Amino acid sequence: MIRSLYTASTGMYAQQLNIDTLAHNMANVTTTGFKRQRVEFQDLLYQYIRRPAVNEDLLEPSGLAVGLGVHPVTSYTLFSQGNLQETGNPMDVAINGNGFFRVEVPGYDDYLYTRDGAIKIDAEGRLVTSDGYYYVGVDALDPQAYDITIESNGMVTYRLPGEEELQEAGQLELATFVNPAGLEKLGKSLYQVTENSGEPIDWDPEEDRSISLVSGYLEASNVQIVEEMVNLITAQRAYEMNSKVIQASDEMLQTAANLRR
């Protein structure tokens, strides 16, 4: 059987996976704190028809080898900073830098992490995500609390009726990772620590000035829709070209099968 049939099929599979990833990116173009993914590929093994000869009588610079296609290696998450969009809501907080909010989720022994800073207040006065998961580091607010403020270092303050002094509810806990791309994606904008990500490093706002919180803003997705569209066109054309190779190989086989006629 013609080798190109199998080789082109690996190209079609690879580009299908590429398009699936691009579709996921574009579907989350408005998801707060979403980080785009990129599929990376490697060529497959090579089949040597004739290896280079190296002896006293003959020195060939290269032999004759045919590649066997391509395969996806990894789906890499790009944690570049998304644009900060003003919302005017003081409970919306964007992370300017490489940190993650620490979140307490039922069913998990360890904390999970998120870039989503669309903070809500539940019936108990706790700061929670849209799914009701607690942001770690902040106590429940007083039922009469008003003028709630989240400072750049994560400190949450508020006022009480009849009192001039600011009340402190705690400080939002953030963490960084040596390899954030190694975090396991769980959906709902949540990430879980793995051996590849390394252990979380607690953020100290006094020592690490590269991270700050911006109240009244949310971090938009870092998906660049024009770039994704260009990548989609490239993947689509690559898929079509691989399908043309299969058609051409099929026609060659048909010609060989009809030689006896």
C-alpha atoms as a PDB file:
ATOM      1  CA  MET A   1       0.000   0.000   0.000  1.00  0.00           C
ATOM      2  CA  ILE A   2       1.219   3.502  -0.775  1.00  0.00           C
ATOM      3  CA  ARG A   3       2.971   4.997   2.258  1.00  0.00           C
ATOM      4  CA  SER A   4       1.530   8.458   1.622  1.00  0.00           C
ATOM      5  CA  LEU A   5      -1.981   7.273   2.528  1.00  0.00           C
ATOM      6  CA  TYR A   6      -0.950   6.705   6.132  1.00  0.00           C
ATOM      7  CA  THR A   7       1.292   9.762   6.250  1.00  0.00           C
ATOM      8  CA  ALA A   8      -1.447  12.104   5.012  1.00  0.00           C
ATOM      9  CA  SER A   9      -3.937  10.577   7.445  1.00  0.00           C
ATOM     10  CA  THR A  10      -1.698  11.601  10.363  1.00  0.00           C
ATOM     11  CA  GLY A  11      -1.694  15.133   8.972  1.00  0.00           C
ATOM     12  CA  MET A  12      -5.498  15.198   8.793  1.00  0.00           C
ATOM     13  CA  TYR A  13      -5.805  13.937  12.358  1.00  0.00           C
ATOM     14  CA  ALA A  14      -3.281  16.502  13.607  1.00  0.00           C
ATOM     15  CA  GLN A  15      -5.055  19.399  11.903  1.00  0.00           C
ATOM     16  CA  GLN A  16      -8.427  18.197  13.185  1.00  0.00           C
ATOM     17  CA  LEU A  17      -7.051  18.385  16.734  1.00  0.00           C
ATOM     18  CA  ASN A  18      -5.600  21.798  15.919  1.00  0.00           C
ATOM     19  CA  ILE A  19      -8.999  23.050  14.742  1.00  0.00           C
ATOM     20  CA  ASP A  20     -10.675  21.603  17.853  1.00  0.00           C
ATOM     21  CA  THR A  21      -8.265  23.626  20.012  1.00  0.00           C
ATOM     22  CA  LEU A  22      -8.815  26.792  17.970  1.00  0.00           C
ATOM     23  CA  ALA A  23     -12.570  26.330  18.317  1.00  0.00           C
ATOM     24  CA  HIS A  24     -12.187  26.057  22.090  1.00  0.00           C
ATOM     25  CA  ASN A  25     -10.129  29.243  22.151  1.00  0.00           C
ATOM     26  CA  MET A  26     -12.633  31.216  20.116  1.00  0.00           C
ATOM     27  CA  ALA A  27     -15.574  29.866  22.111  1.00  0.00           C
ATOM     28  CA  ASN A  28     -13.959  31.355  25.247  1.00  0.00           C
ATOM     29  CA  VAL A  29     -13.054  34.724  23.748  1.00  0.00           C
ATOM     30  CA  THR A  30     -15.282  36.463  26.334  1.00  0.00           C
ATOM     31  CA  THR A  31     -14.513  34.164  29.298  1.00  0.00           C
ATOM     32  CA  THR A  32     -12.976  36.081  32.206  1.00  0.00           C
ATOM     33  CA  GLY A  33      -9.365  35.098  32.825  1.00  0.00           C
ATOM     34  CA  PHE A  34      -9.322  32.439  30.098  1.00  0.00           C
ATOM     35  CA  LYS A  35      -5.912  31.458  28.736  1.00  0.00           C
ATOM     36  CA  ARG A  36      -5.604  30.285  25.152  1.00  0.00           C
ATOM     37  CA  GLN A  37      -4.095  26.937  24.186  1.00  0.00           C
ATOM     38  CA  ARG A  38      -1.736  26.020  21.382  1.00  0.00           C
ATOM     39  CA  VAL A  39      -1.197  22.532  19.969  1.00  0.00           C
ATOM     40  CA  GLU A  40       2.420  21.653  19.238  1.00  0.00           C
ATOM     41  CA  PHE A  41       3.485  18.939  16.780  1.00  0.00           C
ATOM     42  CA  GLN A  42       6.507  16.784  15.984  1.00  0.00           C
ATOM     43  CA  ASP A  43       7.409  14.728  12.947  1.00  0.00           C
ATOM     44  CA  LEU A  44       7.138  10.964  13.265  1.00  0.00           C
ATOM     45  CA  LEU A  45       9.831   8.343  12.729  1.00  0.00           C
ATOM     46  CA  TYR A  46      11.700   8.098   9.448  1.00  0.00           C
ATOM     47  CA  GLN A  47      11.903   4.921   7.399  1.00  0.00           C
ATOM     48  CA  TYR A  48      15.375   4.477   5.920  1.00  0.00           C
ATOM     49  CA  ILE A  49      15.344   2.937   2.469  1.00  0.00           C
ATOM     50  CA  ARG A  50      19.104   3.347   2.191  1.00  0.00           C
ATOM     51  CA  ARG A  51      21.363   4.562   4.964  1.00  0.00           C
ATOM     52  CA  PRO A  52      24.394   6.733   4.199  1.00  0.00           C
ATOM     53  CA  ALA A  53      27.423   4.641   3.308  1.00  0.00           C
ATOM     54  CA  VAL A  54      30.643   5.402   5.150  1.00  0.00           C
ATOM     55  CA  ASN A  55      33.667   3.310   4.169  1.00  0.00           C
ATOM     56  CA  GLU A  56      37.047   3.646   2.506  1.00  0.00           C
ATOM     57  CA  ASP A  57      35.653   3.371  -1.016  1.00  0.00           C
ATOM     58  CA  LEU A  58      32.411   5.387  -0.723  1.00  0.00           C
ATOM     59  CA  LEU A  59      31.339   8.360   1.330  1.00  0.00           C
ATOM     60  CA  GLU A  60      27.729   9.392   0.763  1.00  0.00           C
ATOM     61  CA  PRO A  61      26.639  12.690   2.323  1.00  0.00           C
ATOM     62  CA  SER A  62      23.096  11.435   2.893  1.00  0.00           C
ATOM     63  CA  GLY A  63      20.997   8.346   2.491  1.00  0.00           C
ATOM     64  CA  LEU A  64      17.407   7.874   1.431  1.00  0.00           C
ATOM     65  CA  ALA A  65      14.756   8.276   4.138  1.00  0.00           C
ATOM     66  CA  VAL A  66      11.008   8.905   4.073  1.00  0.00           C
ATOM     67  CA  GLY A  67       9.119  10.525   6.923  1.00  0.00           C
ATOM     68  CA  LEU A  68       6.001   8.875   8.285  1.00  0.00           C
ATOM     69  CA  GLY A  69       3.947  11.925   9.162  1.00  0.00           C
ATOM     70  CA  VAL A  70       3.187  14.057  12.189  1.00  0.00           C
ATOM     71  CA  HIS A  71       1.730  13.662  15.645  1.00  0.00           C
ATOM     72  CA  PRO A  72       0.501  16.097  18.325  1.00  0.00           C
ATOM     73  CA  VAL A  73       2.899  16.421  21.263  1.00  0.00           C
ATOM     74  CA  THR A  74       1.250  18.775  23.716  1.00  0.00           C
ATOM     75  CA  SER A  75      -1.543  21.247  24.195  1.00  0.00           C
ATOM     76  CA  TYR A  76       0.312  24.184  25.727  1.00  0.00           C
ATOM     77  CA  THR A  77      -1.505  26.871  27.713  1.00  0.00           C
ATOM     78  CA  LEU A  78      -0.250  30.418  27.176  1.00  0.00           C
ATOM     79  CA  PHE A  79      -0.528  32.452  30.380  1.00  0.00           C
ATOM     80  CA  SER A  80       0.100  35.864  28.850  1.00  0.00           C
ATOM     81  CA  GLN A  81      -1.720  38.782  30.462  1.00  0.00           C
ATOM     82  CA  GLY A  82      -5.214  39.514  29.158  1.00  0.00           C
ATOM     83  CA  ASN A  83      -6.534  43.034  28.716  1.00  0.00           C
ATOM     84  CA  LEU A  84      -8.038  44.681  31.797  1.00  0.00           C
ATOM     85  CA  GLN A  85     -11.636  45.743  31.217  1.00  0.00           C
ATOM     86  CA  GLU A  86     -13.231  48.334  33.451  1.00  0.00           C
ATOM     87  CA  THR A  87     -16.535  47.259  35.015  1.00  0.00           C
ATOM     88  CA  GLY A  88     -17.097  49.907  37.677  1.00  0.00           C
ATOM     89  CA  ASN A  89     -17.959  47.160  40.181  1.00  0.00           C
ATOM     90  CA  PRO A  90     -15.599  47.339  43.212  1.00  0.00           C
ATOM     91  CA  MET A  91     -16.051  43.581  43.768  1.00  0.00           C
ATOM     92  CA  ASP A  92     -14.538  42.828  40.370  1.00  0.00           C
ATOM     93  CA  VAL A  93     -10.781  42.315  40.715  1.00  0.00           C
ATOM     94  CA  ALA A  94      -8.201  41.656  38.014  1.00  0.00           C
ATOM     95  CA  ILE A  95      -4.782  40.150  38.663  1.00  0.00           C
ATOM     96  CA  ASN A  96      -2.067  42.220  37.019  1.00  0.00           C
ATOM     97  CA  GLY A  97       0.766  39.720  36.917  1.00  0.00           C
ATOM     98  CA  ASN A  98       1.303  35.972  37.107  1.00  0.00           C
ATOM     99  CA  GLY A  99      -0.656  35.078  40.236  1.00  0.00           C
ATOM    100  CA  PHE A 100      -3.725  32.956  40.911  1.00  0.00           C
ATOM    101  CA  PHE A 101      -6.504  33.343  43.457  1.00  0.00           C
ATOM    102  CA  ARG A 102      -6.632  30.496  45.966  1.00  0.00           C
ATOM    103  CA  VAL A 103     -10.109  28.913  46.105  1.00  0.00           C
ATOM    104  CA  GLU A 104     -11.646  26.375  48.486  1.00  0.00           C
ATOM    105  CA  VAL A 105     -13.779  23.846  46.582  1.00  0.00           C
ATOM    106  CA  PRO A 106     -15.799  21.059  48.252  1.00  0.00           C
ATOM    107  CA  GLY A 107     -14.575  17.577  47.349  1.00  0.00           C
ATOM    108  CA  TYR A 108     -10.913  18.575  46.997  1.00  0.00           C
ATOM    109  CA  ASP A 109      -8.402  18.101  49.801  1.00  0.00           C
ATOM    110  CA  ASP A 110      -6.155  20.882  48.497  1.00  0.00           C
ATOM    111  CA  TYR A 111      -6.971  24.362  47.299  1.00  0.00           C
ATOM    112  CA  LEU A 112      -7.725  25.061  43.649  1.00  0.00           C
ATOM    113  CA  TYR A 113      -6.679  28.171  41.748  1.00  0.00           C
ATOM    114  CA  THR A 114      -8.313  30.614  39.356  1.00  0.00           C
ATOM    115  CA  ARG A 115      -7.700  33.857  37.472  1.00  0.00           C
ATOM    116  CA  ASP A 116     -11.396  34.760  37.608  1.00  0.00           C
ATOM    117  CA  GLY A 117     -11.834  37.790  39.846  1.00  0.00           C
ATOM    118  CA  ALA A 118     -15.589  38.296  39.421  1.00  0.00           C
ATOM    119  CA  ILE A 119     -16.152  38.116  43.183  1.00  0.00           C
ATOM    120  CA  LYS A 120     -19.620  37.682  44.660  1.00  0.00           C
ATOM    121  CA  ILE A 121     -20.931  37.803  48.251  1.00  0.00           C
ATOM    122  CA  ASP A 122     -23.079  34.888  49.442  1.00  0.00           C
ATOM    123  CA  ALA A 123     -25.802  34.849  52.110  1.00  0.00           C
ATOM    124  CA  GLU A 124     -23.203  34.286  54.844  1.00  0.00           C
ATOM    125  CA  GLY A 125     -21.133  37.295  53.815  1.00  0.00           C
ATOM    126  CA  ARG A 126     -18.334  35.177  52.320  1.00  0.00           C
ATOM    127  CA  LEU A 127     -16.510  36.171  49.143  1.00  0.00           C
ATOM    128  CA  VAL A 128     -17.220  33.483  46.564  1.00  0.00           C
ATOM    129  CA  THR A 129     -16.858  32.711  42.862  1.00  0.00           C
ATOM    130  CA  SER A 130     -19.833  32.545  40.517  1.00  0.00           C
ATOM    131  CA  ASP A 131     -20.169  28.862  41.489  1.00  0.00           C
ATOM    132  CA  GLY A 132     -20.137  29.625  45.220  1.00  0.00           C
ATOM    133  CA  TYR A 133     -16.551  28.548  45.970  1.00  0.00           C
ATOM    134  CA  TYR A 134     -14.801  30.474  48.747  1.00  0.00           C
ATOM    135  CA  TYR A 135     -11.877  32.782  48.094  1.00  0.00           C
ATOM    136  CA  VAL A 136      -9.271  31.884  50.716  1.00  0.00           C
ATOM    137  CA  GLY A 137      -7.955  34.466  53.160  1.00  0.00           C
ATOM    138  CA  VAL A 138     -11.043  36.595  53.790  1.00  0.00           C
ATOM    139  CA  ASP A 139     -13.509  36.180  56.652  1.00  0.00           C
ATOM    140  CA  ALA A 140     -17.257  36.630  56.323  1.00  0.00           C
ATOM    141  CA  LEU A 141     -18.346  40.262  56.085  1.00  0.00           C
ATOM    142  CA  ASP A 142     -20.643  41.858  58.633  1.00  0.00           C
ATOM    143  CA  PRO A 143     -24.274  41.888  57.404  1.00  0.00           C
ATOM    144  CA  GLN A 144     -24.253  45.700  57.717  1.00  0.00           C
ATOM    145  CA  ALA A 145     -21.010  46.153  55.809  1.00  0.00           C
ATOM    146  CA  TYR A 146     -20.901  48.765  53.078  1.00  0.00           C
ATOM    147  CA  ASP A 147     -18.304  50.618  51.017  1.00  0.00           C
ATOM    148  CA  ILE A 148     -16.398  47.350  50.505  1.00  0.00           C
ATOM    149  CA  THR A 149     -12.953  47.896  49.031  1.00  0.00           C
ATOM    150  CA  ILE A 150     -10.298  45.513  47.737  1.00  0.00           C
ATOM    151  CA  GLU A 151      -6.837  47.064  47.777  1.00  0.00           C
ATOM    152  CA  SER A 152      -3.965  46.324  45.414  1.00  0.00           C
ATOM    153  CA  ASN A 153      -2.354  43.997  47.985  1.00  0.00           C
ATOM    154  CA  GLY A 154      -5.558  41.962  48.355  1.00  0.00           C
ATOM    155  CA  MET A 155      -6.676  43.473  51.673  1.00  0.00           C
ATOM    156  CA  VAL A 156     -10.479  43.628  51.941  1.00  0.00           C
ATOM    157  CA  THR A 157     -11.893  46.501  53.997  1.00  0.00           C
ATOM    158  CA  TYR A 158     -15.380  47.819  54.673  1.00  0.00           C
ATOM    159  CA  ARG A 159     -17.297  50.269  56.836  1.00  0.00           C
ATOM    160  CA  LEU A 160     -20.064  49.793  59.397  1.00  0.00           C
ATOM    161  CA  PRO A 161     -22.888  52.234  60.118  1.00  0.00           C
ATOM    162  CA  GLY A 162     -21.969  54.695  62.863  1.00  0.00           C
ATOM    163  CA  GLU A 163     -18.247  53.819  62.830  1.00  0.00           C
ATOM    164  CA  GLU A 164     -15.538  55.886  61.189  1.00  0.00           C
ATOM    165  CA  GLU A 165     -12.769  53.313  61.431  1.00  0.00           C
ATOM    166  CA  LEU A 166     -12.291  50.913  58.510  1.00  0.00           C
ATOM    167  CA  GLN A 167     -12.871  47.234  59.258  1.00  0.00           C
ATOM    168  CA  GLU A 168     -10.541  44.586  57.832  1.00  0.00           C
ATOM    169  CA  ALA A 169     -11.993  41.262  56.640  1.00  0.00           C
ATOM    170  CA  GLY A 170      -8.697  39.704  55.647  1.00  0.00           C
ATOM    171  CA  GLN A 171      -6.412  39.478  52.650  1.00  0.00           C
ATOM    172  CA  LEU A 172      -7.060  37.511  49.475  1.00  0.00           C
ATOM    173  CA  GLU A 173      -4.468  34.771  49.155  1.00  0.00           C
ATOM    174  CA  LEU A 174      -2.635  34.490  45.851  1.00  0.00           C
ATOM    175  CA  ALA A 175      -0.034  32.030  44.669  1.00  0.00           C
ATOM    176  CA  THR A 176       2.406  31.699  41.797  1.00  0.00           C
ATOM    177  CA  PHE A 177       3.885  28.635  40.108  1.00  0.00           C
ATOM    178  CA  VAL A 178       7.236  27.849  38.545  1.00  0.00           C
ATOM    179  CA  ASN A 179       5.440  26.224  35.594  1.00  0.00           C
ATOM    180  CA  PRO A 180       1.816  27.404  35.387  1.00  0.00           C
ATOM    181  CA  ALA A 181       1.408  25.540  32.083  1.00  0.00           C
ATOM    182  CA  GLY A 182       1.690  22.330  34.123  1.00  0.00           C
ATOM    183  CA  LEU A 183      -1.496  23.058  36.074  1.00  0.00           C
ATOM    184  CA  GLU A 184      -4.385  20.692  35.401  1.00  0.00           C
ATOM    185  CA  LYS A 185      -7.420  22.425  33.886  1.00  0.00           C
ATOM    186  CA  LEU A 186     -10.659  21.369  35.586  1.00  0.00           C
ATOM    187  CA  GLY A 187     -13.146  23.641  33.821  1.00  0.00           C
ATOM    188  CA  LYS A 188     -15.104  26.452  35.504  1.00  0.00           C
ATOM    189  CA  SER A 189     -11.895  28.536  35.217  1.00  0.00           C
ATOM    190  CA  LEU A 190     -10.255  26.362  37.903  1.00  0.00           C
ATOM    191  CA  TYR A 191      -6.767  24.865  37.965  1.00  0.00           C
ATOM    192  CA  GLN A 192      -5.308  22.091  40.127  1.00  0.00           C
ATOM    193  CA  VAL A 193      -1.721  21.678  41.267  1.00  0.00           C
ATOM    194  CA  THR A 194       0.274  18.848  39.674  1.00  0.00           C
ATOM    195  CA  GLU A 195       3.856  17.635  39.930  1.00  0.00           C
ATOM    196  CA  ASN A 196       4.568  19.370  36.624  1.00  0.00           C
ATOM    197  CA  SER A 197       3.375  22.760  37.869  1.00  0.00           C
ATOM    198  CA  GLY A 198       5.416  22.627  41.058  1.00  0.00           C
ATOM    199  CA  GLU A 199       4.163  23.536  44.498  1.00  0.00           C
ATOM    200  CA  PRO A 200       2.314  26.862  44.910  1.00  0.00           C
ATOM    201  CA  ILE A 201       4.436  29.787  46.058  1.00  0.00           C
ATOM    202  CA  ASP A 202       2.579  32.131  48.417  1.00  0.00           C
ATOM    203  CA  TRP A 203       2.447  35.710  47.165  1.00  0.00           C
ATOM    204  CA  ASP A 204       3.900  38.315  49.491  1.00  0.00           C
ATOM    205  CA  PRO A 205       2.819  41.782  48.260  1.00  0.00           C
ATOM    206  CA  GLU A 206       5.626  43.418  50.242  1.00  0.00           C
ATOM    207  CA  GLU A 207       8.343  41.436  48.462  1.00  0.00           C
ATOM    208  CA  ASP A 208       6.826  40.711  45.036  1.00  0.00           C
ATOM    209  CA  ARG A 209       5.838  43.965  43.352  1.00  0.00           C
ATOM    210  CA  SER A 210       5.367  42.303  39.966  1.00  0.00           C
ATOM    211  CA  ILE A 211       1.803  41.294  40.979  1.00  0.00           C
ATOM    212  CA  SER A 212      -1.003  43.609  41.995  1.00  0.00           C
ATOM    213  CA  LEU A 213      -4.794  43.534  42.163  1.00  0.00           C
ATOM    214  CA  VAL A 214      -6.864  46.097  40.268  1.00  0.00           C
ATOM    215  CA  SER A 215     -10.317  46.684  41.732  1.00  0.00           C
ATOM    216  CA  GLY A 216     -13.143  47.625  39.386  1.00  0.00           C
ATOM    217  CA  TYR A 217     -11.623  45.679  36.489  1.00  0.00           C
ATOM    218  CA  LEU A 218     -11.753  42.135  35.134  1.00  0.00           C
ATOM    219  CA  GLU A 219      -9.079  40.361  33.128  1.00  0.00           C
ATOM    220  CA  ALA A 220     -10.365  39.523  29.673  1.00  0.00           C
ATOM    221  CA  SER A 221      -9.435  36.370  27.783  1.00  0.00           C
ATOM    222  CA  ASN A 222      -5.992  36.536  26.163  1.00  0.00           C
ATOM    223  CA  VAL A 223      -7.427  35.101  22.927  1.00  0.00           C
ATOM    224  CA  GLN A 224      -6.644  37.332  19.939  1.00  0.00           C
ATOM    225  CA  ILE A 225      -9.531  36.628  17.587  1.00  0.00           C
ATOM    226  CA  VAL A 226      -7.708  37.806  14.430  1.00  0.00           C
ATOM    227  CA  GLU A 227      -4.735  35.563  15.203  1.00  0.00           C
ATOM    228  CA  GLU A 228      -7.057  32.636  15.856  1.00  0.00           C
ATOM    229  CA  MET A 229      -8.847  33.214  12.532  1.00  0.00           C
ATOM    230  CA  VAL A 230      -5.526  33.229  10.666  1.00  0.00           C
ATOM    231  CA  ASN A 231      -4.515  30.009  12.432  1.00  0.00           C
ATOM    232  CA  LEU A 232      -7.906  28.506  11.574  1.00  0.00           C
ATOM    233  CA  ILE A 233      -7.460  29.278   7.871  1.00  0.00           C
ATOM    234  CA  THR A 234      -3.954  27.776   7.943  1.00  0.00           C
ATOM    235  CA  ALA A 235      -5.205  24.613   9.667  1.00  0.00           C
ATOM    236  CA  GLN A 236      -8.122  24.296   7.247  1.00  0.00           C
ATOM    237  CA  ARG A 237      -5.850  24.575   4.206  1.00  0.00           C
ATOM    238  CA  ALA A 238      -3.392  22.068   5.690  1.00  0.00           C
ATOM    239  CA  TYR A 239      -6.285  19.659   6.259  1.00  0.00           C
ATOM    240  CA  GLU A 240      -7.438  20.105   2.654  1.00  0.00           C
ATOM    241  CA  MET A 241      -3.930  19.538   1.264  1.00  0.00           C
ATOM    242  CA  ASN A 242      -3.556  16.311   3.228  1.00  0.00           C
ATOM    243  CA  SER A 243      -6.914  15.145   1.889  1.00  0.00           C
ATOM    244  CA  LYS A 244      -5.685  15.943  -1.652  1.00  0.00           C
ATOM    245  CA  VAL A 245      -2.636  13.749  -1.000  1.00  0.00           C
ATOM    246  CA  ILE A 246      -4.944  10.868  -0.051  1.00  0.00           C
ATOM    247  CA  GLN A 247      -6.983  11.412  -3.218  1.00  0.00           C
ATOM    248  CA  ALA A 248      -3.837  11.472  -5.342  1.00  0.00           C
ATOM    249  CA  SER A 249      -2.574   8.279  -3.690  1.00  0.00           C
ATOM    250  CA  ASP A 250      -5.932   6.636  -4.304  1.00  0.00           C
ATOM    251  CA  GLU A 251      -5.783   7.571  -8.007  1.00  0.00           C
ATOM    252  CA  MET A 252      -2.274   6.103  -8.242  1.00  0.00           C
ATOM    253  CA  LEU A 253      -3.509   2.858  -6.680  1.00  0.00           C
ATOM    254  CA  GLN A 254      -6.439   2.817  -9.086  1.00  0.00           C
ATOM    255  CA  THR A 255      -4.079   3.254 -12.025  1.00  0.00           C
ATOM    256  CA  ALA A 256      -1.886   0.389 -10.791  1.00  0.00           C
ATOM    257  CA  ALA A 257      -4.951  -1.820 -10.285  1.00  0.00           C
ATOM    258  CA  ASN A 258      -6.112  -1.175 -13.858  1.00  0.00           C
ATOM    259  CA  LEU A 259      -2.775  -2.111 -15.504  1.00  0.00           C
ATOM    260  CA  ARG A 260      -4.062  -5.609 -16.417  1.00  0.00           C
ATOM    261  CA  ARG A 261      -7.004  -4.257 -18.421  1.00  0.00           C
END
